[in-house]
Amino acid sequence: MEEFFTEVIETDDKDLLIGEIMHRHGQEILQLVYSYVKNRSIAEDLTQDIFVKCYKSLHTYSGKARIRTWLWRIAINHCKDYLKSWYARNVILTEKETEPAYHQDKTVEQTVIQKGEDQELAEAVMELPIKYREVIYLFYFEELSIKEISEVTDIKENTLKTRLRRAKDLLKERLEG
């Protein structure tokens, strides 16, 4: 896959490249952004902004990191900038949209119980401070390693390990209490 991106960058077909990036990574970027802002419409707007920024910055992609890592770094930085903005601090929008998908092979009772537990966990994760929510989301939901999270967020691995441990403790307290 990375060879495809390198070939397209060399041919300078930015439209083809951004289309492929959006196709392959659009949903995961939207989910990542939502984990920061907790609002679907804002997440959709920010995701569009991120891909515009990516399109404008394609010439800066050097190929040293994977395209996904490069894109995630842009997305995370954009989300952090948004959260620091006047709008994010002064305009309060809330939305509860934490329903995961379920498999049909469970009984109705199992599905109801699982749905309740999943929703409770998702709500507890979304209530965490951003520095803990970020590491929980990337580690458990996106299944990135600590090293990959470090590359994407530009935070030291030991700091991430500490945050992950603290986040799990906070979740445990909230779910048991």
N, C-alpha and C. Protein backbone atom coordinates (compact mmCIF):
# COMPACT_ATOMS: atom_id res chain seq x y z
N MET A 1 0.82 -1.18 0.00
CA MET A 1 0.00 0.00 0.00
C MET A 1 0.87 1.25 0.00
N GLU A 2 1.90 1.29 0.81
CA GLU A 2 2.78 2.46 0.86
C GLU A 2 3.45 2.68 -0.49
N GLU A 3 3.70 1.58 -1.24
CA GLU A 3 4.29 1.74 -2.57
C GLU A 3 3.35 2.51 -3.48
N PHE A 4 2.04 2.24 -3.34
CA PHE A 4 1.04 2.96 -4.13
C PHE A 4 1.15 4.46 -3.88
N PHE A 5 1.23 4.85 -2.59
CA PHE A 5 1.30 6.26 -2.24
C PHE A 5 2.58 6.89 -2.77
N THR A 6 3.69 6.18 -2.67
CA THR A 6 4.96 6.70 -3.17
C THR A 6 4.89 6.92 -4.67
N GLU A 7 4.32 5.95 -5.41
CA GLU A 7 4.19 6.09 -6.86
C GLU A 7 3.31 7.27 -7.24
N VAL A 8 2.19 7.44 -6.53
CA VAL A 8 1.28 8.53 -6.85
C VAL A 8 1.91 9.87 -6.52
N ILE A 9 2.62 9.95 -5.40
CA ILE A 9 3.30 11.20 -5.04
C ILE A 9 4.32 11.57 -6.11
N GLU A 10 5.05 10.56 -6.59
CA GLU A 10 6.05 10.81 -7.62
C GLU A 10 5.42 11.28 -8.93
N THR A 11 4.21 10.78 -9.25
CA THR A 11 3.54 11.21 -10.48
C THR A 11 2.81 12.53 -10.28
N ASP A 12 2.74 12.98 -9.05
CA ASP A 12 2.14 14.27 -8.70
C ASP A 12 0.63 14.31 -9.00
N ASP A 13 -0.07 13.17 -8.87
CA ASP A 13 -1.51 13.13 -9.04
C ASP A 13 -2.17 13.22 -7.66
N LYS A 14 -2.27 14.45 -7.16
CA LYS A 14 -2.77 14.69 -5.81
C LYS A 14 -4.24 14.28 -5.67
N ASP A 15 -5.04 14.48 -6.71
CA ASP A 15 -6.46 14.14 -6.62
C ASP A 15 -6.66 12.64 -6.43
N LEU A 16 -5.91 11.85 -7.18
CA LEU A 16 -5.98 10.39 -7.04
C LEU A 16 -5.53 9.96 -5.65
N LEU A 17 -4.45 10.55 -5.18
CA LEU A 17 -3.91 10.19 -3.88
C LEU A 17 -4.87 10.54 -2.75
N ILE A 18 -5.40 11.75 -2.76
CA ILE A 18 -6.29 12.15 -1.66
C ILE A 18 -7.57 11.31 -1.69
N GLY A 19 -8.03 10.95 -2.88
CA GLY A 19 -9.20 10.08 -2.97
C GLY A 19 -8.94 8.72 -2.35
N GLU A 20 -7.78 8.18 -2.61
CA GLU A 20 -7.42 6.88 -2.03
C GLU A 20 -7.24 6.97 -0.52
N ILE A 21 -6.61 8.04 -0.05
CA ILE A 21 -6.42 8.24 1.39
C ILE A 21 -7.78 8.36 2.08
N MET A 22 -8.68 9.14 1.49
CA MET A 22 -10.01 9.30 2.08
C MET A 22 -10.77 7.98 2.09
N HIS A 23 -10.64 7.23 1.01
CA HIS A 23 -11.33 5.93 0.93
C HIS A 23 -10.82 4.97 2.01
N ARG A 24 -9.51 4.91 2.16
CA ARG A 24 -8.91 3.94 3.09
C ARG A 24 -8.97 4.37 4.55
N HIS A 25 -8.91 5.68 4.81
CA HIS A 25 -8.76 6.14 6.20
C HIS A 25 -9.86 7.07 6.67
N GLY A 26 -10.83 7.38 5.83
CA GLY A 26 -11.86 8.35 6.19
C GLY A 26 -12.64 7.99 7.43
N GLN A 27 -13.12 6.76 7.51
CA GLN A 27 -13.94 6.36 8.65
C GLN A 27 -13.14 6.35 9.94
N GLU A 28 -11.92 5.85 9.89
CA GLU A 28 -11.13 5.80 11.13
C GLU A 28 -10.73 7.20 11.59
N ILE A 29 -10.51 8.13 10.66
CA ILE A 29 -10.21 9.50 11.04
C ILE A 29 -11.45 10.14 11.67
N LEU A 30 -12.61 9.89 11.09
CA LEU A 30 -13.86 10.40 11.66
C LEU A 30 -14.05 9.89 13.09
N GLN A 31 -13.81 8.61 13.32
CA GLN A 31 -13.95 8.04 14.65
C GLN A 31 -12.92 8.63 15.61
N LEU A 32 -11.71 8.83 15.13
CA LEU A 32 -10.67 9.44 15.96
C LEU A 32 -11.08 10.85 16.37
N VAL A 33 -11.53 11.63 15.41
CA VAL A 33 -11.94 13.01 15.68
C VAL A 33 -13.12 13.02 16.66
N TYR A 34 -14.08 12.12 16.46
CA TYR A 34 -15.23 12.05 17.36
C TYR A 34 -14.78 11.77 18.79
N SER A 35 -13.75 10.94 18.94
CA SER A 35 -13.27 10.63 20.30
C SER A 35 -12.72 11.87 21.00
N TYR A 36 -12.33 12.86 20.23
CA TYR A 36 -11.84 14.12 20.81
C TYR A 36 -12.98 15.09 21.09
N VAL A 37 -13.88 15.28 20.12
CA VAL A 37 -14.85 16.37 20.22
C VAL A 37 -16.22 15.93 20.74
N LYS A 38 -16.53 14.65 20.71
CA LYS A 38 -17.77 14.09 21.25
C LYS A 38 -19.02 14.64 20.58
N ASN A 39 -18.93 15.05 19.34
CA ASN A 39 -20.08 15.58 18.62
C ASN A 39 -19.94 15.19 17.16
N ARG A 40 -20.93 14.49 16.64
CA ARG A 40 -20.83 13.95 15.29
C ARG A 40 -20.71 15.03 14.21
N SER A 41 -21.52 16.06 14.26
CA SER A 41 -21.46 17.06 13.20
C SER A 41 -20.14 17.84 13.23
N ILE A 42 -19.65 18.14 14.41
CA ILE A 42 -18.34 18.80 14.51
C ILE A 42 -17.25 17.86 14.03
N ALA A 43 -17.35 16.59 14.39
CA ALA A 43 -16.36 15.60 13.94
C ALA A 43 -16.34 15.50 12.42
N GLU A 44 -17.51 15.53 11.80
CA GLU A 44 -17.58 15.48 10.34
C GLU A 44 -16.94 16.71 9.71
N ASP A 45 -17.22 17.89 10.27
CA ASP A 45 -16.61 19.12 9.76
C ASP A 45 -15.10 19.11 9.91
N LEU A 46 -14.64 18.70 11.08
CA LEU A 46 -13.20 18.66 11.32
C LEU A 46 -12.51 17.63 10.43
N THR A 47 -13.18 16.52 10.18
CA THR A 47 -12.61 15.50 9.30
C THR A 47 -12.44 16.06 7.89
N GLN A 48 -13.41 16.80 7.42
CA GLN A 48 -13.27 17.45 6.11
C GLN A 48 -12.09 18.42 6.12
N ASP A 49 -11.99 19.21 7.18
CA ASP A 49 -10.86 20.14 7.30
C ASP A 49 -9.52 19.41 7.28
N ILE A 50 -9.48 18.27 7.94
CA ILE A 50 -8.25 17.48 8.01
C ILE A 50 -7.84 17.01 6.62
N PHE A 51 -8.80 16.54 5.83
CA PHE A 51 -8.46 16.07 4.49
C PHE A 51 -8.08 17.23 3.56
N VAL A 52 -8.67 18.39 3.77
CA VAL A 52 -8.24 19.57 3.01
C VAL A 52 -6.80 19.92 3.38
N LYS A 53 -6.52 19.90 4.69
CA LYS A 53 -5.16 20.19 5.15
C LYS A 53 -4.18 19.15 4.61
N CYS A 54 -4.59 17.90 4.60
CA CYS A 54 -3.76 16.82 4.06
C CYS A 54 -3.48 17.05 2.58
N TYR A 55 -4.52 17.40 1.84
CA TYR A 55 -4.38 17.66 0.40
C TYR A 55 -3.37 18.78 0.15
N LYS A 56 -3.49 19.85 0.93
CA LYS A 56 -2.58 20.99 0.77
C LYS A 56 -1.15 20.67 1.21
N SER A 57 -1.01 19.66 2.08
CA SER A 57 0.31 19.34 2.64
C SER A 57 0.95 18.10 2.02
N LEU A 58 0.34 17.53 0.99
CA LEU A 58 0.88 16.31 0.39
C LEU A 58 2.34 16.46 -0.03
N HIS A 59 2.71 17.64 -0.47
CA HIS A 59 4.09 17.86 -0.90
C HIS A 59 5.08 17.75 0.25
N THR A 60 4.60 17.84 1.51
CA THR A 60 5.50 17.74 2.66
C THR A 60 5.70 16.29 3.12
N TYR A 61 4.88 15.37 2.61
CA TYR A 61 5.02 13.96 3.02
C TYR A 61 6.32 13.42 2.43
N SER A 62 7.22 13.02 3.33
CA SER A 62 8.56 12.59 2.91
C SER A 62 8.68 11.08 2.75
N GLY A 63 7.74 10.33 3.24
CA GLY A 63 7.81 8.88 3.14
C GLY A 63 8.56 8.23 4.30
N LYS A 64 9.02 9.03 5.26
CA LYS A 64 9.74 8.46 6.41
C LYS A 64 8.79 7.69 7.33
N ALA A 65 7.59 8.22 7.51
CA ALA A 65 6.57 7.54 8.30
C ALA A 65 5.53 6.96 7.35
N ARG A 66 4.75 6.01 7.86
CA ARG A 66 3.65 5.49 7.05
C ARG A 66 2.65 6.60 6.81
N ILE A 67 1.94 6.53 5.72
CA ILE A 67 0.95 7.57 5.38
C ILE A 67 -0.11 7.66 6.47
N ARG A 68 -0.47 6.53 7.07
CA ARG A 68 -1.48 6.52 8.13
C ARG A 68 -0.97 7.30 9.34
N THR A 69 0.28 7.09 9.71
CA THR A 69 0.86 7.80 10.84
C THR A 69 0.89 9.30 10.57
N TRP A 70 1.30 9.66 9.37
CA TRP A 70 1.35 11.07 8.97
C TRP A 70 -0.04 11.69 9.04
N LEU A 71 -1.05 10.99 8.53
CA LEU A 71 -2.42 11.48 8.52
C LEU A 71 -2.96 11.61 9.94
N TRP A 72 -2.70 10.62 10.78
CA TRP A 72 -3.18 10.66 12.15
C TRP A 72 -2.56 11.81 12.92
N ARG A 73 -1.29 12.09 12.67
CA ARG A 73 -0.64 13.21 13.35
C ARG A 73 -1.33 14.52 12.96
N ILE A 74 -1.64 14.67 11.68
CA ILE A 74 -2.36 15.86 11.22
C ILE A 74 -3.71 15.93 11.93
N ALA A 75 -4.41 14.81 11.99
CA ALA A 75 -5.75 14.77 12.60
C ALA A 75 -5.69 15.10 14.10
N ILE A 76 -4.78 14.50 14.81
CA ILE A 76 -4.67 14.73 16.26
C ILE A 76 -4.31 16.19 16.53
N ASN A 77 -3.35 16.72 15.79
CA ASN A 77 -2.98 18.12 15.99
C ASN A 77 -4.15 19.05 15.67
N HIS A 78 -4.89 18.73 14.62
CA HIS A 78 -6.05 19.56 14.25
C HIS A 78 -7.11 19.52 15.36
N CYS A 79 -7.34 18.34 15.92
CA CYS A 79 -8.31 18.21 17.01
C CYS A 79 -7.87 19.00 18.24
N LYS A 80 -6.60 18.91 18.57
CA LYS A 80 -6.10 19.64 19.73
C LYS A 80 -6.19 21.14 19.50
N ASP A 81 -5.91 21.59 18.29
CA ASP A 81 -6.06 23.02 17.97
C ASP A 81 -7.52 23.44 18.12
N TYR A 82 -8.43 22.62 17.63
CA TYR A 82 -9.85 22.93 17.75
C TYR A 82 -10.26 23.03 19.22
N LEU A 83 -9.82 22.07 20.04
CA LEU A 83 -10.20 22.07 21.44
C LEU A 83 -9.65 23.28 22.20
N LYS A 84 -8.58 23.87 21.70
CA LYS A 84 -8.01 25.08 22.31
C LYS A 84 -8.70 26.35 21.81
N SER A 85 -9.47 26.23 20.75
CA SER A 85 -10.07 27.40 20.11
C SER A 85 -11.15 28.02 20.99
N TRP A 86 -11.45 29.28 20.69
CA TRP A 86 -12.50 29.99 21.42
C TRP A 86 -13.83 29.27 21.27
N TYR A 87 -14.14 28.83 20.07
CA TYR A 87 -15.42 28.19 19.78
C TYR A 87 -15.61 26.95 20.65
N ALA A 88 -14.60 26.11 20.69
CA ALA A 88 -14.73 24.87 21.46
C ALA A 88 -14.85 25.15 22.96
N ARG A 89 -14.21 26.19 23.43
CA ARG A 89 -14.26 26.50 24.86
C ARG A 89 -15.53 27.24 25.28
N ASN A 90 -16.17 27.94 24.34
CA ASN A 90 -17.29 28.80 24.70
C ASN A 90 -18.64 28.37 24.16
N VAL A 91 -18.67 27.51 23.17
CA VAL A 91 -19.93 27.02 22.63
C VAL A 91 -20.04 25.55 23.02
N ILE A 92 -21.07 25.23 23.77
CA ILE A 92 -21.20 23.87 24.30
C ILE A 92 -22.25 23.12 23.50
N LEU A 93 -21.82 22.06 22.84
CA LEU A 93 -22.71 21.16 22.13
C LEU A 93 -22.46 19.78 22.68
N THR A 94 -23.51 19.06 22.98
CA THR A 94 -23.33 17.70 23.46
C THR A 94 -24.15 16.75 22.62
N GLU A 95 -23.69 15.53 22.61
CA GLU A 95 -24.37 14.53 21.81
C GLU A 95 -23.96 13.17 22.36
N LYS A 96 -24.92 12.31 22.52
CA LYS A 96 -24.62 10.95 22.94
C LYS A 96 -24.81 10.05 21.74
N GLU A 97 -23.71 9.53 21.24
CA GLU A 97 -23.77 8.64 20.08
C GLU A 97 -22.70 7.58 20.27
N THR A 98 -22.96 6.69 21.18
CA THR A 98 -21.95 5.71 21.53
C THR A 98 -22.43 4.28 21.35
N GLU A 99 -23.37 4.05 20.43
CA GLU A 99 -23.89 2.71 20.24
C GLU A 99 -23.03 1.92 19.27
N PRO A 100 -22.38 0.87 19.75
CA PRO A 100 -21.59 0.03 18.86
C PRO A 100 -22.47 -0.94 18.06
N ALA A 101 -21.90 -1.51 17.03
CA ALA A 101 -22.62 -2.50 16.22
C ALA A 101 -22.62 -3.85 16.94
N TYR A 102 -23.64 -4.65 16.69
CA TYR A 102 -23.75 -5.96 17.34
C TYR A 102 -23.92 -7.04 16.31
N HIS A 103 -23.50 -8.24 16.71
CA HIS A 103 -23.59 -9.39 15.83
C HIS A 103 -24.94 -10.08 16.01
N GLN A 104 -25.43 -10.70 14.96
CA GLN A 104 -26.74 -11.33 14.98
C GLN A 104 -26.73 -12.72 15.62
N ASP A 105 -25.55 -13.28 15.92
CA ASP A 105 -25.51 -14.64 16.44
C ASP A 105 -25.79 -14.72 17.95
N LYS A 106 -26.12 -13.63 18.60
CA LYS A 106 -26.41 -13.63 20.03
C LYS A 106 -27.92 -13.65 20.23
N THR A 107 -28.32 -14.12 21.39
CA THR A 107 -29.74 -14.08 21.72
C THR A 107 -30.13 -12.64 22.03
N VAL A 108 -31.41 -12.38 22.07
CA VAL A 108 -31.90 -11.03 22.36
C VAL A 108 -31.42 -10.59 23.74
N GLU A 109 -31.48 -11.50 24.71
CA GLU A 109 -31.06 -11.16 26.07
C GLU A 109 -29.57 -10.82 26.11
N GLN A 110 -28.76 -11.63 25.43
CA GLN A 110 -27.32 -11.37 25.40
C GLN A 110 -27.03 -10.03 24.72
N THR A 111 -27.75 -9.75 23.67
CA THR A 111 -27.55 -8.49 22.94
C THR A 111 -27.90 -7.29 23.82
N VAL A 112 -29.02 -7.38 24.54
CA VAL A 112 -29.44 -6.28 25.42
C VAL A 112 -28.40 -6.07 26.52
N ILE A 113 -27.96 -7.15 27.14
CA ILE A 113 -26.96 -7.04 28.20
C ILE A 113 -25.66 -6.47 27.66
N GLN A 114 -25.21 -7.00 26.52
CA GLN A 114 -23.96 -6.53 25.91
C GLN A 114 -24.06 -5.06 25.52
N LYS A 115 -25.19 -4.69 24.96
CA LYS A 115 -25.39 -3.30 24.53
C LYS A 115 -25.31 -2.36 25.73
N GLY A 116 -25.93 -2.73 26.82
CA GLY A 116 -25.88 -1.91 28.04
C GLY A 116 -24.47 -1.78 28.58
N GLU A 117 -23.74 -2.89 28.61
CA GLU A 117 -22.36 -2.87 29.11
C GLU A 117 -21.46 -2.05 28.19
N ASP A 118 -21.61 -2.23 26.87
CA ASP A 118 -20.79 -1.49 25.91
C ASP A 118 -21.08 0.01 25.99
N GLN A 119 -22.34 0.35 26.13
CA GLN A 119 -22.71 1.77 26.20
C GLN A 119 -22.15 2.39 27.48
N GLU A 120 -22.23 1.65 28.58
CA GLU A 120 -21.70 2.15 29.84
C GLU A 120 -20.18 2.36 29.73
N LEU A 121 -19.48 1.42 29.12
CA LEU A 121 -18.04 1.55 28.94
C LEU A 121 -17.71 2.73 28.01
N ALA A 122 -18.43 2.83 26.90
CA ALA A 122 -18.18 3.93 25.95
C ALA A 122 -18.42 5.28 26.61
N GLU A 123 -19.48 5.39 27.39
CA GLU A 123 -19.75 6.65 28.09
C GLU A 123 -18.67 6.96 29.10
N ALA A 124 -18.19 5.94 29.81
CA ALA A 124 -17.12 6.15 30.79
C ALA A 124 -15.84 6.60 30.09
N VAL A 125 -15.54 6.02 28.95
CA VAL A 125 -14.34 6.43 28.19
C VAL A 125 -14.50 7.87 27.73
N MET A 126 -15.67 8.23 27.22
CA MET A 126 -15.88 9.59 26.72
C MET A 126 -15.87 10.64 27.83
N GLU A 127 -16.07 10.22 29.08
CA GLU A 127 -16.03 11.16 30.21
C GLU A 127 -14.61 11.39 30.72
N LEU A 128 -13.66 10.57 30.29
CA LEU A 128 -12.28 10.74 30.73
C LEU A 128 -11.70 12.05 30.21
N PRO A 129 -10.74 12.64 30.92
CA PRO A 129 -10.03 13.80 30.37
C PRO A 129 -9.35 13.39 29.05
N ILE A 130 -9.17 14.34 28.16
CA ILE A 130 -8.69 14.06 26.81
C ILE A 130 -7.37 13.29 26.79
N LYS A 131 -6.45 13.60 27.69
CA LYS A 131 -5.16 12.92 27.65
C LYS A 131 -5.28 11.43 27.96
N TYR A 132 -6.29 11.04 28.73
CA TYR A 132 -6.52 9.62 29.01
C TYR A 132 -7.40 8.99 27.93
N ARG A 133 -8.41 9.73 27.49
CA ARG A 133 -9.30 9.22 26.45
C ARG A 133 -8.52 8.93 25.17
N GLU A 134 -7.58 9.81 24.85
CA GLU A 134 -6.77 9.66 23.65
C GLU A 134 -6.00 8.34 23.66
N VAL A 135 -5.32 8.04 24.75
CA VAL A 135 -4.51 6.83 24.80
C VAL A 135 -5.37 5.57 24.85
N ILE A 136 -6.50 5.64 25.56
CA ILE A 136 -7.42 4.49 25.60
C ILE A 136 -7.96 4.21 24.21
N TYR A 137 -8.40 5.26 23.53
CA TYR A 137 -8.97 5.10 22.19
C TYR A 137 -7.94 4.50 21.24
N LEU A 138 -6.76 5.07 21.19
CA LEU A 138 -5.75 4.60 20.24
C LEU A 138 -5.26 3.19 20.57
N PHE A 139 -5.13 2.87 21.85
CA PHE A 139 -4.60 1.57 22.25
C PHE A 139 -5.64 0.46 22.09
N TYR A 140 -6.85 0.68 22.60
CA TYR A 140 -7.84 -0.39 22.60
C TYR A 140 -8.74 -0.40 21.37
N PHE A 141 -9.18 0.74 20.91
CA PHE A 141 -10.13 0.78 19.81
C PHE A 141 -9.43 0.74 18.45
N GLU A 142 -8.28 1.39 18.34
CA GLU A 142 -7.55 1.37 17.07
C GLU A 142 -6.42 0.35 17.08
N GLU A 143 -6.19 -0.26 18.23
CA GLU A 143 -5.20 -1.32 18.41
C GLU A 143 -3.79 -0.92 17.96
N LEU A 144 -3.42 0.31 18.31
CA LEU A 144 -2.06 0.76 18.05
C LEU A 144 -1.17 0.36 19.22
N SER A 145 0.08 0.09 18.94
CA SER A 145 1.03 -0.21 20.01
C SER A 145 1.43 1.10 20.70
N ILE A 146 2.04 1.00 21.86
CA ILE A 146 2.52 2.18 22.57
C ILE A 146 3.51 2.95 21.69
N LYS A 147 4.35 2.22 20.98
CA LYS A 147 5.33 2.86 20.11
C LYS A 147 4.62 3.65 18.99
N GLU A 148 3.60 3.05 18.39
CA GLU A 148 2.86 3.74 17.32
C GLU A 148 2.13 4.97 17.86
N ILE A 149 1.55 4.83 19.05
CA ILE A 149 0.87 5.97 19.66
C ILE A 149 1.88 7.09 19.92
N SER A 150 3.06 6.72 20.36
CA SER A 150 4.12 7.70 20.60
C SER A 150 4.48 8.45 19.32
N GLU A 151 4.57 7.73 18.21
CA GLU A 151 4.89 8.36 16.93
C GLU A 151 3.77 9.31 16.49
N VAL A 152 2.53 8.88 16.68
CA VAL A 152 1.39 9.67 16.22
C VAL A 152 1.19 10.92 17.09
N THR A 153 1.34 10.77 18.40
CA THR A 153 1.03 11.87 19.31
C THR A 153 2.25 12.69 19.69
N ASP A 154 3.43 12.18 19.41
CA ASP A 154 4.68 12.85 19.79
C ASP A 154 4.79 12.98 21.32
N ILE A 155 4.38 11.91 22.00
CA ILE A 155 4.47 11.82 23.46
C ILE A 155 5.36 10.62 23.78
N LYS A 156 6.21 10.76 24.78
CA LYS A 156 7.15 9.69 25.14
C LYS A 156 6.40 8.42 25.56
N GLU A 157 7.01 7.27 25.25
CA GLU A 157 6.37 5.98 25.52
C GLU A 157 6.08 5.79 27.01
N ASN A 158 7.01 6.15 27.87
CA ASN A 158 6.77 5.98 29.31
C ASN A 158 5.61 6.83 29.80
N THR A 159 5.48 8.02 29.26
CA THR A 159 4.35 8.89 29.61
C THR A 159 3.05 8.22 29.17
N LEU A 160 3.05 7.64 27.98
CA LEU A 160 1.85 6.96 27.48
C LEU A 160 1.49 5.75 28.35
N LYS A 161 2.50 5.01 28.76
CA LYS A 161 2.24 3.85 29.64
C LYS A 161 1.61 4.30 30.95
N THR A 162 2.12 5.39 31.51
CA THR A 162 1.56 5.93 32.75
C THR A 162 0.13 6.39 32.54
N ARG A 163 -0.12 7.09 31.43
CA ARG A 163 -1.48 7.56 31.14
C ARG A 163 -2.44 6.39 30.92
N LEU A 164 -1.97 5.36 30.25
CA LEU A 164 -2.81 4.19 30.01
C LEU A 164 -3.17 3.53 31.33
N ARG A 165 -2.20 3.38 32.21
CA ARG A 165 -2.45 2.77 33.51
C ARG A 165 -3.43 3.63 34.32
N ARG A 166 -3.22 4.94 34.31
CA ARG A 166 -4.10 5.85 35.05
C ARG A 166 -5.52 5.85 34.45
N ALA A 167 -5.60 5.80 33.13
CA ALA A 167 -6.91 5.77 32.47
C ALA A 167 -7.67 4.50 32.85
N LYS A 168 -6.97 3.38 32.87
CA LYS A 168 -7.63 2.12 33.26
C LYS A 168 -8.11 2.19 34.70
N ASP A 169 -7.31 2.80 35.58
CA ASP A 169 -7.73 2.96 36.98
C ASP A 169 -8.97 3.84 37.09
N LEU A 170 -8.98 4.94 36.33
CA LEU A 170 -10.14 5.84 36.34
C LEU A 170 -11.39 5.13 35.82
N LEU A 171 -11.23 4.35 34.76
CA LEU A 171 -12.37 3.61 34.22
C LEU A 171 -12.88 2.59 35.22
N LYS A 172 -11.97 1.91 35.86
CA LYS A 172 -12.35 0.91 36.86
C LYS A 172 -13.14 1.57 38.00
N GLU A 173 -12.65 2.71 38.47
CA GLU A 173 -13.35 3.43 39.53
C GLU A 173 -14.76 3.82 39.09
N ARG A 174 -14.88 4.36 37.89
CA ARG A 174 -16.19 4.81 37.40
C ARG A 174 -17.15 3.67 37.18
N LEU A 175 -16.64 2.56 36.66
CA LEU A 175 -17.53 1.44 36.35
C LEU A 175 -17.93 0.65 37.60
N GLU A 176 -17.04 0.62 38.58
CA GLU A 176 -17.37 -0.08 39.81
C GLU A 176 -18.19 0.80 40.75
N GLY A 177 -17.95 2.10 40.69
CA GLY A 177 -18.65 3.05 41.58
C GLY A 177 -19.95 3.41 41.04
